[in-house]
């Protein structure tokens, strides 16, 4: 450094004035070196970083809050970039690298995208509050929808839900009268409240608590036909993604979503 840092006169060694001045900076440099090494290790372990997380609008009513809360608690060093997208757009952004993890509806077509099931839920019948099928003494069956005015999901923007419902109706050989085609659950429920028709919505719609709309369990629909999967690019090299993925799939395994 071109200066004397130590005075080694006699049997003792002491810092010179220049050495005293350098000591504080030297300690800070060592501390920063240790912090940098720790940050690198934590980054490789997925404990810090950024994950772009996509989700559908209906997922926001079911699992998103639990997922975001768990990440905030368990992985506080991971920042989330949240993007609401339909499933098709999410899959495109996964392939292009704009998204790291997507909460999408199946199927997941093509190659290069890995996925696993996260959550399943049943369908509920949505009726105006004054509709006969909303009466407490009625036990609605899916066959009650035959010929009824029905607010249907769009076969383009909400293709997954459209195909699920078409499959349900085909299985019991009924044909509701489709009066409108929409893509978002909250908009569908608004039209139900206006008396324009009945609808089938995922159970998560109960969280919306829309006045004037009654949600009822529906007999004749087997199991939990509504599925949500987590999808990610198989060659993604973001360590934080895999930490988040493992956390989210762990929640699914414990039925915590």
Protein backbone atom coordinates (compact mmCIF):
# COMPACT_ATOMS: atom_id res chain seq x y z
CA UNK A 1 0.00 0.00 0.00
CA UNK A 2 3.07 2.21 0.12
CA UNK A 3 2.73 3.03 3.83
CA UNK A 4 3.76 1.43 7.12
CA UNK A 5 0.77 -0.17 8.84
CA UNK A 6 2.71 -1.65 11.78
CA UNK A 7 5.45 -0.37 14.07
CA UNK A 8 7.62 -3.35 15.04
CA UNK A 9 10.09 -1.50 17.21
CA UNK A 10 11.44 -3.44 20.18
CA UNK A 11 9.52 -6.52 21.23
CA UNK A 12 6.03 -5.12 20.55
CA UNK A 13 3.97 -4.60 17.43
CA UNK A 14 1.50 -1.79 17.22
CA UNK A 15 -0.53 -0.11 14.54
CA UNK A 16 0.74 3.09 13.06
CA UNK A 17 -1.66 5.99 12.46
CA UNK A 18 -2.10 4.73 8.90
CA UNK A 19 -2.79 1.23 10.24
CA UNK A 20 -5.43 2.57 12.61
CA UNK A 21 -7.09 4.37 9.71
CA UNK A 22 -7.05 1.19 7.59
CA UNK A 23 -8.32 -1.14 10.34
CA UNK A 24 -11.98 -0.12 10.17
CA UNK A 25 -12.09 -0.43 6.39
CA UNK A 26 -10.29 -3.78 6.52
CA UNK A 27 -12.90 -5.13 8.94
CA UNK A 28 -15.69 -3.89 6.69
CA UNK A 29 -14.04 -5.52 3.66
CA UNK A 30 -13.82 -8.86 5.48
CA UNK A 31 -17.43 -8.53 6.57
CA UNK A 32 -18.55 -7.79 3.01
CA UNK A 33 -16.54 -10.77 1.74
CA UNK A 34 -18.23 -13.07 4.23
CA UNK A 35 -21.64 -11.58 3.39
CA UNK A 36 -21.02 -12.03 -0.35
CA UNK A 37 -20.09 -15.67 0.16
CA UNK A 38 -23.21 -16.21 2.28
CA UNK A 39 -25.37 -14.53 -0.36
CA UNK A 40 -23.94 -16.79 -3.06
CA UNK A 41 -24.65 -19.88 -0.96
CA UNK A 42 -28.18 -18.71 -0.17
CA UNK A 43 -28.81 -17.91 -3.84
CA UNK A 44 -27.70 -21.37 -4.91
CA UNK A 45 -29.94 -22.85 -2.19
CA UNK A 46 -32.90 -20.84 -3.51
CA UNK A 47 -33.24 -18.88 -0.28
CA UNK A 48 -32.91 -15.52 -2.04
CA UNK A 49 -33.83 -14.45 -5.54
CA UNK A 50 -36.89 -13.53 -7.59
CA UNK A 51 -39.65 -15.73 -8.97
CA UNK A 52 -42.21 -14.60 -11.54
CA UNK A 53 -45.44 -16.38 -10.57
CA UNK A 54 -48.44 -16.54 -12.89
CA UNK A 55 -51.98 -17.39 -11.81
CA UNK A 56 -55.48 -17.51 -13.22
CA UNK A 57 -58.22 -15.28 -11.88
CA UNK A 58 -60.05 -18.24 -10.34
CA UNK A 59 -56.83 -19.41 -8.64
CA UNK A 60 -56.76 -16.04 -6.89
CA UNK A 61 -59.98 -17.07 -5.13
CA UNK A 62 -58.70 -20.50 -4.08
CA UNK A 63 -54.99 -21.12 -3.50
CA UNK A 64 -53.07 -17.92 -4.25
CA UNK A 65 -53.30 -16.38 -0.78
CA UNK A 66 -52.05 -19.59 0.88
CA UNK A 67 -49.16 -19.88 -1.56
CA UNK A 68 -48.06 -16.25 -1.30
CA UNK A 69 -48.37 -16.33 2.50
CA UNK A 70 -46.28 -19.49 2.77
CA UNK A 71 -43.55 -18.07 0.52
CA UNK A 72 -43.48 -14.85 2.54
CA UNK A 73 -43.11 -16.84 5.77
CA UNK A 74 -40.85 -19.71 4.70
CA UNK A 75 -38.76 -17.97 2.03
CA UNK A 76 -38.59 -14.31 3.10
CA UNK A 77 -35.57 -13.69 0.88
CA UNK A 78 -37.49 -14.61 -2.29
CA UNK A 79 -39.26 -11.77 -4.07
CA UNK A 80 -42.39 -12.53 -6.07
CA UNK A 81 -43.49 -10.89 -9.31
CA UNK A 82 -47.21 -11.74 -9.60
CA UNK A 83 -48.91 -11.82 -13.00
CA UNK A 84 -52.59 -12.64 -13.59
CA UNK A 85 -52.90 -14.52 -16.87
CA UNK A 86 -55.18 -17.09 -18.49
CA UNK A 87 -53.59 -20.53 -18.70
CA UNK A 88 -52.62 -20.29 -22.37
CA UNK A 89 -50.79 -17.01 -21.87
CA UNK A 90 -48.98 -18.43 -18.84
CA UNK A 91 -47.73 -21.41 -20.83
CA UNK A 92 -46.43 -19.10 -23.56
CA UNK A 93 -44.61 -16.96 -20.98
CA UNK A 94 -43.16 -20.04 -19.29
CA UNK A 95 -41.66 -21.14 -22.59
CA UNK A 96 -40.27 -17.67 -23.30
CA UNK A 97 -38.80 -17.34 -19.80
CA UNK A 98 -41.04 -14.44 -18.74
CA UNK A 99 -42.60 -16.64 -16.04
CA UNK A 100 -40.87 -19.07 -13.70
CA UNK A 101 -43.93 -20.81 -12.26
CA UNK A 102 -47.53 -20.91 -13.43
CA UNK A 103 -50.76 -21.92 -11.72
CA UNK A 104 -52.68 -23.20 -14.73
CA UNK A 105 -55.54 -25.42 -15.78
CA UNK A 106 -54.74 -28.72 -17.50
CA UNK A 107 -53.83 -30.02 -19.95
CA UNK A 108 -50.23 -28.84 -20.30
CA UNK A 109 -49.42 -29.50 -23.97
CA UNK A 110 -46.06 -29.74 -25.70
CA UNK A 111 -42.60 -30.55 -24.43
CA UNK A 112 -40.22 -28.76 -22.10
CA UNK A 113 -42.82 -27.92 -19.45
CA UNK A 114 -42.96 -29.95 -16.23
CA UNK A 115 -46.04 -29.90 -14.02
CA UNK A 116 -47.88 -31.55 -11.19
CA UNK A 117 -51.38 -31.37 -9.77
CA UNK A 118 -51.91 -28.98 -6.87
CA UNK A 119 -55.57 -28.68 -6.07
CA UNK A 120 -58.98 -30.07 -6.94
CA UNK A 121 -62.41 -28.70 -6.09
CA UNK A 122 -66.07 -29.36 -6.73
CA UNK A 123 -68.60 -27.34 -8.69
CA UNK A 124 -71.42 -25.38 -7.09
CA UNK A 125 -74.72 -24.28 -8.57
CA UNK A 126 -75.14 -20.50 -8.62
CA UNK A 127 -78.72 -19.20 -8.66
CA UNK A 128 -80.46 -15.88 -8.02
CA UNK A 129 -81.64 -15.70 -4.42
CA UNK A 130 -85.31 -15.90 -5.49
CA UNK A 131 -84.92 -18.89 -7.81
CA UNK A 132 -86.80 -22.10 -6.88
CA UNK A 133 -83.54 -24.07 -6.85
CA UNK A 134 -82.23 -21.75 -4.13
CA UNK A 135 -84.94 -22.85 -1.68
CA UNK A 136 -83.51 -24.52 1.45
CA UNK A 137 -85.79 -27.54 1.02
CA UNK A 138 -84.54 -28.23 -2.52
CA UNK A 139 -81.64 -30.55 -3.28
CA UNK A 140 -80.57 -29.46 -6.78
CA UNK A 141 -79.47 -32.09 -9.27
CA UNK A 142 -77.54 -31.38 -12.43
CA UNK A 143 -80.52 -32.63 -14.45
CA UNK A 144 -82.49 -29.64 -13.13
CA UNK A 145 -80.42 -27.50 -15.52
CA UNK A 146 -81.84 -29.14 -18.64
CA UNK A 147 -83.30 -26.38 -20.82
CA UNK A 148 -82.69 -23.71 -18.16
CA UNK A 149 -81.16 -20.34 -19.09
CA UNK A 150 -77.47 -20.79 -18.32
CA UNK A 151 -74.48 -18.42 -18.17
CA UNK A 152 -71.68 -20.44 -19.78
CA UNK A 153 -67.91 -20.09 -19.86
CA UNK A 154 -66.38 -18.85 -23.08
CA UNK A 155 -65.01 -21.66 -25.27
CA UNK A 156 -62.08 -19.38 -26.17
CA UNK A 157 -61.04 -17.36 -23.08
CA UNK A 158 -62.20 -19.97 -20.53
CA UNK A 159 -61.78 -23.12 -22.56
CA UNK A 160 -60.91 -25.35 -19.59
CA UNK A 161 -64.13 -24.58 -17.67
CA UNK A 162 -66.16 -24.73 -20.88
CA UNK A 163 -64.93 -28.26 -21.61
CA UNK A 164 -65.43 -29.39 -17.99
CA UNK A 165 -69.06 -28.27 -18.04
CA UNK A 166 -69.76 -29.66 -21.51
CA UNK A 167 -68.43 -33.00 -20.25
CA UNK A 168 -70.69 -32.86 -17.19
CA UNK A 169 -73.79 -32.09 -19.28
CA UNK A 170 -72.94 -34.71 -21.89
CA UNK A 171 -72.56 -37.37 -19.21
CA UNK A 172 -76.11 -36.85 -17.92
CA UNK A 173 -77.49 -36.07 -21.41
CA UNK A 174 -78.87 -32.61 -20.76
CA UNK A 175 -78.68 -29.40 -22.77
CA UNK A 176 -78.96 -26.10 -20.84
CA UNK A 177 -79.92 -23.00 -22.82
CA UNK A 178 -76.74 -20.93 -23.05
CA UNK A 179 -77.63 -17.24 -22.88
CA UNK A 180 -74.17 -15.68 -22.42
CA UNK A 181 -70.53 -16.76 -22.71
CA UNK A 182 -68.08 -15.18 -20.25
CA UNK A 183 -64.61 -15.90 -18.92
CA UNK A 184 -64.47 -14.60 -15.33
CA UNK A 185 -66.29 -16.11 -12.36
CA UNK A 186 -67.16 -12.79 -10.76
CA UNK A 187 -68.75 -11.55 -14.01
CA UNK A 188 -70.72 -14.77 -14.39
CA UNK A 189 -72.06 -14.38 -10.85
CA UNK A 190 -73.05 -10.78 -11.57
CA UNK A 191 -75.23 -11.98 -14.45
CA UNK A 192 -76.71 -14.70 -12.24
CA UNK A 193 -77.60 -12.04 -9.66
CA UNK A 194 -79.27 -10.02 -12.43
CA UNK A 195 -81.53 -13.02 -13.10
CA UNK A 196 -80.16 -13.79 -16.57
CA UNK A 197 -79.51 -17.44 -15.87
CA UNK A 198 -77.98 -20.14 -13.69
CA UNK A 199 -74.30 -21.08 -13.61
CA UNK A 200 -71.83 -23.63 -12.32
CA UNK A 201 -68.76 -22.20 -10.57
CA UNK A 202 -65.79 -23.68 -8.67
CA UNK A 203 -66.23 -23.96 -4.92
CA UNK A 204 -63.66 -21.21 -4.39
CA UNK A 205 -66.33 -18.74 -5.58
CA UNK A 206 -67.79 -18.95 -2.07
CA UNK A 207 -65.09 -16.47 -1.00
CA UNK A 208 -66.70 -13.79 -3.20
CA UNK A 209 -69.85 -13.71 -1.03
CA UNK A 210 -71.94 -11.90 -3.65
CA UNK A 211 -75.25 -10.62 -2.28
CA UNK A 212 -78.24 -11.88 -4.19
CA UNK A 213 -76.54 -15.08 -5.34
CA UNK A 214 -77.00 -18.47 -3.66
CA UNK A 215 -74.36 -21.17 -4.08
CA UNK A 216 -75.60 -24.74 -3.59
CA UNK A 217 -73.96 -28.19 -3.78
CA UNK A 218 -75.17 -30.04 -6.85
CA UNK A 219 -75.96 -33.75 -7.03
CA UNK A 220 -75.09 -35.68 -10.16
CA UNK A 221 -71.58 -34.27 -10.65
CA UNK A 222 -68.95 -36.82 -9.77
CA UNK A 223 -65.96 -35.98 -7.56
CA UNK A 224 -64.01 -32.75 -7.87
CA UNK A 225 -63.73 -32.05 -11.59
CA UNK A 226 -61.93 -28.69 -11.32
CA UNK A 227 -58.15 -29.12 -11.27
CA UNK A 228 -55.25 -26.69 -10.91
CA UNK A 229 -51.64 -27.60 -11.67
CA UNK A 230 -48.26 -25.96 -11.08
CA UNK A 231 -46.15 -25.74 -14.25
CA UNK A 232 -42.55 -24.68 -14.82
CA UNK A 233 -39.94 -24.85 -17.58
CA UNK A 234 -37.99 -28.07 -17.15
CA UNK A 235 -34.64 -26.41 -17.96
CA UNK A 236 -35.15 -23.30 -15.81
CA UNK A 237 -31.91 -22.64 -13.88
CA UNK A 238 -33.37 -20.27 -11.28
CA UNK A 239 -32.66 -21.87 -7.85
CA UNK A 240 -35.38 -19.76 -6.21
CA UNK A 241 -37.93 -21.35 -8.55
CA UNK A 242 -37.17 -24.82 -7.24
CA UNK A 243 -37.34 -23.67 -3.63
CA UNK A 244 -40.76 -22.12 -4.31
CA UNK A 245 -41.91 -25.15 -6.31
CA UNK A 246 -40.94 -27.55 -3.53
CA UNK A 247 -42.72 -25.37 -0.97
CA UNK A 248 -45.90 -25.16 -3.06
CA UNK A 249 -46.01 -28.88 -3.90
CA UNK A 250 -45.35 -29.64 -0.23
CA UNK A 251 -48.43 -27.61 0.67
CA UNK A 252 -50.41 -29.64 -1.87
CA UNK A 253 -49.12 -32.92 -0.42
CA UNK A 254 -50.28 -31.83 3.04
CA UNK A 255 -53.68 -30.74 1.65
CA UNK A 256 -52.88 -27.25 2.90
CA UNK A 257 -54.14 -25.48 -0.23
